[in-house]
Full PDB file with SEQRES, HELIX, SHEET, SSBOND, CRYST1, ORIGX, SCALE, CONECT and MASTER records, all heavy atoms in Angstrom:
SEQRES   1 A   29  SER LYS SER LEU PHE TYR ALA TYR ILE PHE THR GLY GLU          
SEQRES   2 A   29  LYS LYS TYR LEU ASN THR ALA LYS ASP VAL LEU ASP THR          
SEQRES   3 A   29  VAL LEU GLU                                                  
HELIX    1 AA1 LYS A    2  THR A   11  1                                  10    
HELIX    2 AA2 LYS A   14  LEU A   28  1                                  15    
CRYST1    1.000    1.000    1.000  90.00  90.00  90.00 P 1           1          
ORIGX1      1.000000  0.000000  0.000000        0.00000                         
ORIGX2      0.000000  1.000000  0.000000        0.00000                         
ORIGX3      0.000000  0.000000  1.000000        0.00000                         
SCALE1      1.000000  0.000000  0.000000        0.00000                         
SCALE2      0.000000  1.000000  0.000000        0.00000                         
SCALE3      0.000000  0.000000  1.000000        0.00000                         
ATOM      1  N   SER A   1       0.846  -1.195  -0.001  1.00  0.00           N  
ATOM      2  CA  SER A   1      -0.014  -0.004   0.007  1.00  0.00           C  
ATOM      3  C   SER A   1       0.866   1.255   0.002  1.00  0.00           C  
ATOM      4  O   SER A   1       0.567   2.242  -0.677  1.00  0.00           O  
ATOM      5  CB  SER A   1      -0.970   0.017   1.201  1.00  0.00           C  
ATOM      6  OG  SER A   1      -0.307   0.349   2.408  1.00  0.00           O  
ATOM      7  N   LYS A   2       1.984   1.214   0.746  1.00  0.00           N  
ATOM      8  CA  LYS A   2       2.908   2.348   0.724  1.00  0.00           C  
ATOM      9  C   LYS A   2       3.457   2.548  -0.694  1.00  0.00           C  
ATOM     10  O   LYS A   2       3.559   3.705  -1.169  1.00  0.00           O  
ATOM     11  CB  LYS A   2       4.075   2.096   1.695  1.00  0.00           C  
ATOM     12  CG  LYS A   2       5.100   3.220   1.708  1.00  0.00           C  
ATOM     13  CD  LYS A   2       6.251   2.917   2.638  1.00  0.00           C  
ATOM     14  CE  LYS A   2       7.325   4.020   2.576  1.00  0.00           C  
ATOM     15  NZ  LYS A   2       8.480   3.717   3.444  1.00  0.00           N  
ATOM     16  N   SER A   3       3.802   1.476  -1.391  1.00  0.00           N  
ATOM     17  CA  SER A   3       4.296   1.589  -2.744  1.00  0.00           C  
ATOM     18  C   SER A   3       3.251   2.181  -3.681  1.00  0.00           C  
ATOM     19  O   SER A   3       3.577   2.971  -4.576  1.00  0.00           O  
ATOM     20  CB  SER A   3       4.716   0.202  -3.261  1.00  0.00           C  
ATOM     21  OG  SER A   3       5.711  -0.367  -2.461  1.00  0.00           O  
ATOM     22  N   LEU A   4       1.989   1.812  -3.480  1.00  0.00           N  
ATOM     23  CA  LEU A   4       0.908   2.367  -4.279  1.00  0.00           C  
ATOM     24  C   LEU A   4       0.731   3.853  -4.032  1.00  0.00           C  
ATOM     25  O   LEU A   4       0.448   4.623  -4.950  1.00  0.00           O  
ATOM     26  CB  LEU A   4      -0.382   1.598  -3.979  1.00  0.00           C  
ATOM     27  CG  LEU A   4      -0.427   0.150  -4.499  1.00  0.00           C  
ATOM     28  CD1 LEU A   4      -1.497  -0.652  -3.775  1.00  0.00           C  
ATOM     29  CD2 LEU A   4      -0.695   0.166  -6.010  1.00  0.00           C  
ATOM     30  N   PHE A   5       0.871   4.266  -2.772  1.00  0.00           N  
ATOM     31  CA  PHE A   5       0.848   5.716  -2.472  1.00  0.00           C  
ATOM     32  C   PHE A   5       1.974   6.429  -3.229  1.00  0.00           C  
ATOM     33  O   PHE A   5       1.797   7.515  -3.779  1.00  0.00           O  
ATOM     34  CB  PHE A   5       0.964   5.967  -0.965  1.00  0.00           C  
ATOM     35  CG  PHE A   5      -0.287   5.744  -0.190  1.00  0.00           C  
ATOM     36  CD1 PHE A   5      -0.330   4.833   0.843  1.00  0.00           C  
ATOM     37  CD2 PHE A   5      -1.436   6.457  -0.490  1.00  0.00           C  
ATOM     38  CE1 PHE A   5      -1.497   4.638   1.591  1.00  0.00           C  
ATOM     39  CE2 PHE A   5      -2.619   6.273   0.236  1.00  0.00           C  
ATOM     40  CZ  PHE A   5      -2.642   5.345   1.296  1.00  0.00           C  
ATOM     41  N   TYR A   6       3.154   5.817  -3.238  1.00  0.00           N  
ATOM     42  CA  TYR A   6       4.277   6.383  -3.985  1.00  0.00           C  
ATOM     43  C   TYR A   6       3.952   6.497  -5.482  1.00  0.00           C  
ATOM     44  O   TYR A   6       4.270   7.487  -6.143  1.00  0.00           O  
ATOM     45  CB  TYR A   6       5.519   5.501  -3.833  1.00  0.00           C  
ATOM     46  CG  TYR A   6       6.479   5.932  -2.743  1.00  0.00           C  
ATOM     47  CD1 TYR A   6       6.059   6.158  -1.445  1.00  0.00           C  
ATOM     48  CD2 TYR A   6       7.821   6.092  -3.029  1.00  0.00           C  
ATOM     49  CE1 TYR A   6       6.964   6.529  -0.459  1.00  0.00           C  
ATOM     50  CE2 TYR A   6       8.760   6.445  -2.047  1.00  0.00           C  
ATOM     51  CZ  TYR A   6       8.295   6.686  -0.756  1.00  0.00           C  
ATOM     52  OH  TYR A   6       9.173   7.049   0.225  1.00  0.00           O  
ATOM     53  N   ALA A   7       3.322   5.454  -6.009  1.00  0.00           N  
ATOM     54  CA  ALA A   7       2.947   5.493  -7.427  1.00  0.00           C  
ATOM     55  C   ALA A   7       2.031   6.670  -7.715  1.00  0.00           C  
ATOM     56  O   ALA A   7       2.126   7.342  -8.747  1.00  0.00           O  
ATOM     57  CB  ALA A   7       2.289   4.180  -7.820  1.00  0.00           C  
ATOM     58  N   TYR A   8       1.130   6.955  -6.767  1.00  0.00           N  
ATOM     59  CA  TYR A   8       0.245   8.120  -6.918  1.00  0.00           C  
ATOM     60  C   TYR A   8       1.040   9.411  -6.827  1.00  0.00           C  
ATOM     61  O   TYR A   8       0.776  10.370  -7.587  1.00  0.00           O  
ATOM     62  CB  TYR A   8      -0.838   8.097  -5.848  1.00  0.00           C  
ATOM     63  CG  TYR A   8      -1.705   9.322  -5.837  1.00  0.00           C  
ATOM     64  CD1 TYR A   8      -2.470   9.660  -6.953  1.00  0.00           C  
ATOM     65  CD2 TYR A   8      -1.744  10.188  -4.746  1.00  0.00           C  
ATOM     66  CE1 TYR A   8      -3.265  10.810  -6.950  1.00  0.00           C  
ATOM     67  CE2 TYR A   8      -2.509  11.318  -4.727  1.00  0.00           C  
ATOM     68  CZ  TYR A   8      -3.259  11.632  -5.854  1.00  0.00           C  
ATOM     69  OH  TYR A   8      -4.048  12.764  -5.858  1.00  0.00           O  
ATOM     70  N   ILE A   9       2.014   9.491  -5.932  1.00  0.00           N  
ATOM     71  CA  ILE A   9       2.845  10.684  -5.806  1.00  0.00           C  
ATOM     72  C   ILE A   9       3.465  11.049  -7.156  1.00  0.00           C  
ATOM     73  O   ILE A   9       3.443  12.192  -7.590  1.00  0.00           O  
ATOM     74  CB  ILE A   9       3.959  10.468  -4.762  1.00  0.00           C  
ATOM     75  CG1 ILE A   9       3.392  10.404  -3.354  1.00  0.00           C  
ATOM     76  CG2 ILE A   9       5.002  11.599  -4.848  1.00  0.00           C  
ATOM     77  CD1 ILE A   9       4.386   9.971  -2.294  1.00  0.00           C  
ATOM     78  N   PHE A  10       3.971  10.014  -7.858  1.00  0.00           N  
ATOM     79  CA  PHE A  10       4.748  10.281  -9.077  1.00  0.00           C  
ATOM     80  C   PHE A  10       3.924  10.255 -10.361  1.00  0.00           C  
ATOM     81  O   PHE A  10       4.408  10.714 -11.389  1.00  0.00           O  
ATOM     82  CB  PHE A  10       5.908   9.288  -9.186  1.00  0.00           C  
ATOM     83  CG  PHE A  10       7.015   9.579  -8.223  1.00  0.00           C  
ATOM     84  CD1 PHE A  10       7.088   8.964  -6.974  1.00  0.00           C  
ATOM     85  CD2 PHE A  10       7.988  10.511  -8.523  1.00  0.00           C  
ATOM     86  CE1 PHE A  10       8.107   9.235  -6.072  1.00  0.00           C  
ATOM     87  CE2 PHE A  10       9.019  10.780  -7.651  1.00  0.00           C  
ATOM     88  CZ  PHE A  10       9.076  10.178  -6.409  1.00  0.00           C  
ATOM     89  N   THR A  11       2.694   9.748 -10.297  1.00  0.00           N  
ATOM     90  CA  THR A  11       1.860   9.719 -11.526  1.00  0.00           C  
ATOM     91  C   THR A  11       0.629  10.569 -11.410  1.00  0.00           C  
ATOM     92  O   THR A  11       0.082  11.021 -12.433  1.00  0.00           O  
ATOM     93  CB  THR A  11       1.424   8.275 -11.842  1.00  0.00           C  
ATOM     94  OG1 THR A  11       0.515   7.821 -10.815  1.00  0.00           O  
ATOM     95  CG2 THR A  11       2.615   7.322 -11.935  1.00  0.00           C  
ATOM     96  N   GLY A  12       0.111  10.761 -10.213  1.00  0.00           N  
ATOM     97  CA  GLY A  12      -1.157  11.466 -10.024  1.00  0.00           C  
ATOM     98  C   GLY A  12      -2.370  10.642 -10.403  1.00  0.00           C  
ATOM     99  O   GLY A  12      -3.491  11.158 -10.414  1.00  0.00           O  
ATOM    100  N   GLU A  13      -2.164   9.364 -10.707  1.00  0.00           N  
ATOM    101  CA  GLU A  13      -3.276   8.494 -11.115  1.00  0.00           C  
ATOM    102  C   GLU A  13      -4.031   7.978  -9.891  1.00  0.00           C  
ATOM    103  O   GLU A  13      -3.448   7.328  -9.028  1.00  0.00           O  
ATOM    104  CB  GLU A  13      -2.778   7.336 -11.982  1.00  0.00           C  
ATOM    105  CG  GLU A  13      -2.212   7.779 -13.301  1.00  0.00           C  
ATOM    106  CD  GLU A  13      -1.830   6.595 -14.195  1.00  0.00           C  
ATOM    107  OE1 GLU A  13      -2.465   5.519 -14.064  1.00  0.00           O  
ATOM    108  OE2 GLU A  13      -0.915   6.756 -15.018  1.00  0.00           O  
ATOM    109  N   LYS A  14      -5.341   8.292  -9.863  1.00  0.00           N  
ATOM    110  CA  LYS A  14      -6.157   7.961  -8.682  1.00  0.00           C  
ATOM    111  C   LYS A  14      -6.308   6.455  -8.447  1.00  0.00           C  
ATOM    112  O   LYS A  14      -6.587   6.038  -7.327  1.00  0.00           O  
ATOM    113  CB  LYS A  14      -7.551   8.603  -8.835  1.00  0.00           C  
ATOM    114  CG  LYS A  14      -7.550  10.114  -8.712  1.00  0.00           C  
ATOM    115  CD  LYS A  14      -7.294  10.538  -7.296  1.00  0.00           C  
ATOM    116  CE  LYS A  14      -7.341  12.036  -7.121  1.00  0.00           C  
ATOM    117  NZ  LYS A  14      -8.670  12.633  -7.312  1.00  0.00           N  
ATOM    118  N   LYS A  15      -6.119   5.654  -9.479  1.00  0.00           N  
ATOM    119  CA  LYS A  15      -6.275   4.209  -9.282  1.00  0.00           C  
ATOM    120  C   LYS A  15      -5.269   3.681  -8.266  1.00  0.00           C  
ATOM    121  O   LYS A  15      -5.576   2.768  -7.486  1.00  0.00           O  
ATOM    122  CB  LYS A  15      -6.116   3.447 -10.600  1.00  0.00           C  
ATOM    123  CG  LYS A  15      -4.725   3.512 -11.222  1.00  0.00           C  
ATOM    124  CD  LYS A  15      -4.642   2.707 -12.522  1.00  0.00           C  
ATOM    125  CE  LYS A  15      -3.234   2.752 -13.090  1.00  0.00           C  
ATOM    126  NZ  LYS A  15      -3.119   1.980 -14.346  1.00  0.00           N  
ATOM    127  N   TYR A  16      -4.073   4.267  -8.246  1.00  0.00           N  
ATOM    128  CA  TYR A  16      -3.078   3.850  -7.275  1.00  0.00           C  
ATOM    129  C   TYR A  16      -3.454   4.322  -5.874  1.00  0.00           C  
ATOM    130  O   TYR A  16      -3.327   3.567  -4.895  1.00  0.00           O  
ATOM    131  CB  TYR A  16      -1.701   4.398  -7.659  1.00  0.00           C  
ATOM    132  CG  TYR A  16      -1.174   3.895  -8.971  1.00  0.00           C  
ATOM    133  CD1 TYR A  16      -0.833   4.777 -10.011  1.00  0.00           C  
ATOM    134  CD2 TYR A  16      -1.018   2.521  -9.197  1.00  0.00           C  
ATOM    135  CE1 TYR A  16      -0.334   4.297 -11.218  1.00  0.00           C  
ATOM    136  CE2 TYR A  16      -0.527   2.060 -10.409  1.00  0.00           C  
ATOM    137  CZ  TYR A  16      -0.203   2.947 -11.424  1.00  0.00           C  
ATOM    138  OH  TYR A  16       0.269   2.497 -12.621  1.00  0.00           O  
ATOM    139  N   LEU A  17      -3.931   5.555  -5.772  1.00  0.00           N  
ATOM    140  CA  LEU A  17      -4.328   6.086  -4.474  1.00  0.00           C  
ATOM    141  C   LEU A  17      -5.490   5.298  -3.889  1.00  0.00           C  
ATOM    142  O   LEU A  17      -5.472   4.922  -2.708  1.00  0.00           O  
ATOM    143  CB  LEU A  17      -4.752   7.553  -4.635  1.00  0.00           C  
ATOM    144  CG  LEU A  17      -5.321   8.246  -3.409  1.00  0.00           C  
ATOM    145  CD1 LEU A  17      -4.250   8.374  -2.316  1.00  0.00           C  
ATOM    146  CD2 LEU A  17      -5.865   9.622  -3.757  1.00  0.00           C  
ATOM    147  N   ASN A  18      -6.477   5.012  -4.709  1.00  0.00           N  
ATOM    148  CA  ASN A  18      -7.651   4.290  -4.230  1.00  0.00           C  
ATOM    149  C   ASN A  18      -7.338   2.876  -3.802  1.00  0.00           C  
ATOM    150  O   ASN A  18      -7.838   2.391  -2.781  1.00  0.00           O  
ATOM    151  CB  ASN A  18      -8.760   4.283  -5.298  1.00  0.00           C  
ATOM    152  CG  ASN A  18      -9.295   5.690  -5.580  1.00  0.00           C  
ATOM    153  OD1 ASN A  18      -9.268   6.546  -4.707  1.00  0.00           O  
ATOM    154  ND2 ASN A  18      -9.799   5.918  -6.789  1.00  0.00           N  
ATOM    155  N   THR A  19      -6.489   2.204  -4.570  1.00  0.00           N  
ATOM    156  CA  THR A  19      -6.111   0.828  -4.220  1.00  0.00           C  
ATOM    157  C   THR A  19      -5.282   0.829  -2.938  1.00  0.00           C  
ATOM    158  O   THR A  19      -5.440  -0.027  -2.063  1.00  0.00           O  
ATOM    159  CB  THR A  19      -5.299   0.171  -5.346  1.00  0.00           C  
ATOM    160  OG1 THR A  19      -6.054   0.237  -6.568  1.00  0.00           O  
ATOM    161  CG2 THR A  19      -5.017  -1.301  -5.040  1.00  0.00           C  
ATOM    162  N   ALA A  20      -4.396   1.819  -2.793  1.00  0.00           N  
ATOM    163  CA  ALA A  20      -3.562   1.926  -1.583  1.00  0.00           C  
ATOM    164  C   ALA A  20      -4.440   2.073  -0.351  1.00  0.00           C  
ATOM    165  O   ALA A  20      -4.241   1.388   0.675  1.00  0.00           O  
ATOM    166  CB  ALA A  20      -2.608   3.119  -1.705  1.00  0.00           C  
ATOM    167  N   LYS A  21      -5.442   2.949  -0.433  1.00  0.00           N  
ATOM    168  CA  LYS A  21      -6.331   3.160   0.709  1.00  0.00           C  
ATOM    169  C   LYS A  21      -7.154   1.888   1.006  1.00  0.00           C  
ATOM    170  O   LYS A  21      -7.346   1.519   2.172  1.00  0.00           O  
ATOM    171  CB  LYS A  21      -7.272   4.335   0.447  1.00  0.00           C  
ATOM    172  CG  LYS A  21      -6.571   5.687   0.492  1.00  0.00           C  
ATOM    173  CD  LYS A  21      -7.563   6.847   0.485  1.00  0.00           C  
ATOM    174  CE  LYS A  21      -8.304   6.949  -0.839  1.00  0.00           C  
ATOM    175  NZ  LYS A  21      -9.179   8.138  -0.882  1.00  0.00           N  
ATOM    176  N   ASP A  22      -7.655   1.255  -0.054  1.00  0.00           N  
ATOM    177  CA  ASP A  22      -8.453   0.037   0.141  1.00  0.00           C  
ATOM    178  C   ASP A  22      -7.661  -1.034   0.871  1.00  0.00           C  
ATOM    179  O   ASP A  22      -8.150  -1.668   1.810  1.00  0.00           O  
ATOM    180  CB  ASP A  22      -8.920  -0.506  -1.220  1.00  0.00           C  
ATOM    181  CG  ASP A  22     -10.052   0.306  -1.824  1.00  0.00           C  
ATOM    182  OD1 ASP A  22     -10.663   1.096  -1.092  1.00  0.00           O  
ATOM    183  OD2 ASP A  22     -10.319   0.136  -3.027  1.00  0.00           O  
ATOM    184  N   VAL A  23      -6.431  -1.218   0.434  1.00  0.00           N  
ATOM    185  CA  VAL A  23      -5.590  -2.277   1.028  1.00  0.00           C  
ATOM    186  C   VAL A  23      -5.221  -1.950   2.470  1.00  0.00           C  
ATOM    187  O   VAL A  23      -5.368  -2.798   3.370  1.00  0.00           O  
ATOM    188  CB  VAL A  23      -4.314  -2.495   0.172  1.00  0.00           C  
ATOM    189  CG1 VAL A  23      -3.342  -3.467   0.880  1.00  0.00           C  
ATOM    190  CG2 VAL A  23      -4.690  -3.025  -1.199  1.00  0.00           C  
ATOM    191  N   LEU A  24      -4.805  -0.721   2.719  1.00  0.00           N  
ATOM    192  CA  LEU A  24      -4.401  -0.354   4.079  1.00  0.00           C  
ATOM    193  C   LEU A  24      -5.604  -0.387   5.022  1.00  0.00           C  
ATOM    194  O   LEU A  24      -5.494  -0.859   6.164  1.00  0.00           O  
ATOM    195  CB  LEU A  24      -3.760   1.024   4.098  1.00  0.00           C  
ATOM    196  CG  LEU A  24      -3.193   1.453   5.451  1.00  0.00           C  
ATOM    197  CD1 LEU A  24      -2.180   0.439   6.013  1.00  0.00           C  
ATOM    198  CD2 LEU A  24      -2.545   2.834   5.344  1.00  0.00           C  
ATOM    199  N   ASP A  25      -6.749   0.060   4.554  1.00  0.00           N  
ATOM    200  CA  ASP A  25      -7.957   0.016   5.382  1.00  0.00           C  
ATOM    201  C   ASP A  25      -8.356  -1.414   5.705  1.00  0.00           C  
ATOM    202  O   ASP A  25      -8.829  -1.716   6.804  1.00  0.00           O  
ATOM    203  CB  ASP A  25      -9.115   0.744   4.692  1.00  0.00           C  
ATOM    204  CG  ASP A  25      -8.934   2.248   4.717  1.00  0.00           C  
ATOM    205  OD1 ASP A  25      -8.115   2.751   5.505  1.00  0.00           O  
ATOM    206  OD2 ASP A  25      -9.644   2.943   3.922  1.00  0.00           O  
ATOM    207  N   THR A  26      -8.152  -2.326   4.752  1.00  0.00           N  
ATOM    208  CA  THR A  26      -8.438  -3.741   4.999  1.00  0.00           C  
ATOM    209  C   THR A  26      -7.496  -4.312   6.050  1.00  0.00           C  
ATOM    210  O   THR A  26      -7.903  -5.069   6.923  1.00  0.00           O  
ATOM    211  CB  THR A  26      -8.311  -4.556   3.689  1.00  0.00           C  
ATOM    212  OG1 THR A  26      -9.218  -4.018   2.725  1.00  0.00           O  
ATOM    213  CG2 THR A  26      -8.666  -6.007   3.914  1.00  0.00           C  
ATOM    214  N   VAL A  27      -6.225  -3.931   5.970  1.00  0.00           N  
ATOM    215  CA  VAL A  27      -5.266  -4.375   6.976  1.00  0.00           C  
ATOM    216  C   VAL A  27      -5.667  -3.882   8.371  1.00  0.00           C  
ATOM    217  O   VAL A  27      -5.665  -4.640   9.341  1.00  0.00           O  
ATOM    218  CB  VAL A  27      -3.839  -3.881   6.643  1.00  0.00           C  
ATOM    219  CG1 VAL A  27      -2.858  -4.138   7.772  1.00  0.00           C  
ATOM    220  CG2 VAL A  27      -3.331  -4.563   5.355  1.00  0.00           C  
ATOM    221  N   LEU A  28      -6.062  -2.610   8.453  1.00  0.00           N  
ATOM    222  CA  LEU A  28      -6.465  -2.048   9.737  1.00  0.00           C  
ATOM    223  C   LEU A  28      -7.699  -2.729  10.280  1.00  0.00           C  
ATOM    224  O   LEU A  28      -7.799  -3.030  11.474  1.00  0.00           O  
ATOM    225  CB  LEU A  28      -6.707  -0.548   9.600  1.00  0.00           C  
ATOM    226  CG  LEU A  28      -5.506   0.312   9.235  1.00  0.00           C  
ATOM    227  CD1 LEU A  28      -5.914   1.767   9.104  1.00  0.00           C  
ATOM    228  CD2 LEU A  28      -4.386   0.165  10.279  1.00  0.00           C  
ATOM    229  N   GLU A  29      -8.638  -3.031   9.383  1.00  0.00           N  
ATOM    230  CA  GLU A  29      -9.889  -3.654   9.798  1.00  0.00           C  
ATOM    231  C   GLU A  29      -9.682  -5.100  10.275  1.00  0.00           C  
ATOM    232  O   GLU A  29     -10.239  -5.524  11.289  1.00  0.00           O  
ATOM    233  CB  GLU A  29     -10.896  -3.630   8.639  1.00  0.00           C  
ATOM    234  CG  GLU A  29     -12.211  -4.336   8.959  1.00  0.00           C  
ATOM    235  CD  GLU A  29     -13.075  -4.522   7.705  1.00  0.00           C  
ATOM    236  OE1 GLU A  29     -12.801  -3.874   6.669  1.00  0.00           O  
ATOM    237  OE2 GLU A  29     -14.015  -5.328   7.780  1.00  0.00           O  
TER     238      GLU A  29                                                      
MASTER        0    0    0    2    0    0    0    6  237    1    0    3          
END                                                                             
């Protein structure tokens, strides 16, 4: 999920941001 956040930092593509949040939220849950 951290890597996906990085991918969003460098591309601006929301698909990476949304997947990163989904995965991290699942881990927390």
